[in-house]
Amino acid sequence: MGENPPEEAPFPLTAVDRWVLSQTDEEFHKHDWEELKEIISKQL
């Protein structure tokens, strides 16, 4: 089976968006709630 041609996104994607969406399951780091709260608190 051939690879599907890239489709235009229905809304603009940033380079970071494209990078996150291209990650495999093995590359993705799942954050738990405590990590998410810590990440968010550092952004405020």
Protein backbone atom coordinates (compact mmCIF):
# COMPACT_ATOMS: atom_id res chain seq x y z
CA MET A 1 0.00 0.00 0.00
CA GLY A 2 1.28 3.46 -0.83
CA GLU A 3 1.61 6.35 1.52
CA ASN A 4 -1.28 8.80 1.55
CA PRO A 5 -0.42 12.27 0.29
CA PRO A 6 -0.31 14.90 3.05
CA GLU A 7 -3.67 16.56 3.57
CA GLU A 8 -4.14 20.24 4.28
CA ALA A 9 -5.11 20.73 7.93
CA PRO A 10 -8.58 22.21 8.54
CA PHE A 11 -6.86 24.87 10.71
CA PRO A 12 -3.31 26.27 10.88
CA LEU A 13 -0.73 24.05 12.57
CA THR A 14 2.54 25.31 14.02
CA ALA A 15 5.84 23.47 13.66
CA VAL A 16 5.41 22.27 17.26
CA ASP A 17 1.90 20.98 16.47
CA ARG A 18 3.25 19.01 13.51
CA TRP A 19 6.12 17.62 15.61
CA VAL A 20 3.79 16.49 18.42
CA LEU A 21 1.39 14.86 15.96
CA SER A 22 4.25 13.04 14.21
CA GLN A 23 5.47 11.33 17.40
CA THR A 24 5.14 7.58 17.69
CA ASP A 25 3.62 5.99 20.79
CA GLU A 26 7.14 5.09 21.94
CA GLU A 27 8.36 8.71 21.60
CA PHE A 28 5.36 10.26 23.34
CA HIS A 29 5.82 11.08 27.05
CA LYS A 30 2.54 10.69 28.88
CA HIS A 31 2.18 13.21 31.73
CA ASP A 32 0.25 12.40 34.87
CA TRP A 33 -1.92 15.01 36.63
CA GLU A 34 0.85 16.02 39.04
CA GLU A 35 3.25 16.69 36.16
CA LEU A 36 0.59 18.66 34.30
CA LYS A 37 -0.13 20.82 37.35
CA GLU A 38 3.61 21.49 37.77
CA ILE A 39 4.03 22.39 34.08
CA ILE A 40 1.04 24.74 34.18
CA SER A 41 2.15 26.42 37.41
CA LYS A 42 5.54 27.21 35.84
CA GLN A 43 3.78 28.97 32.95
CA LEU A 44 1.83 31.39 35.17
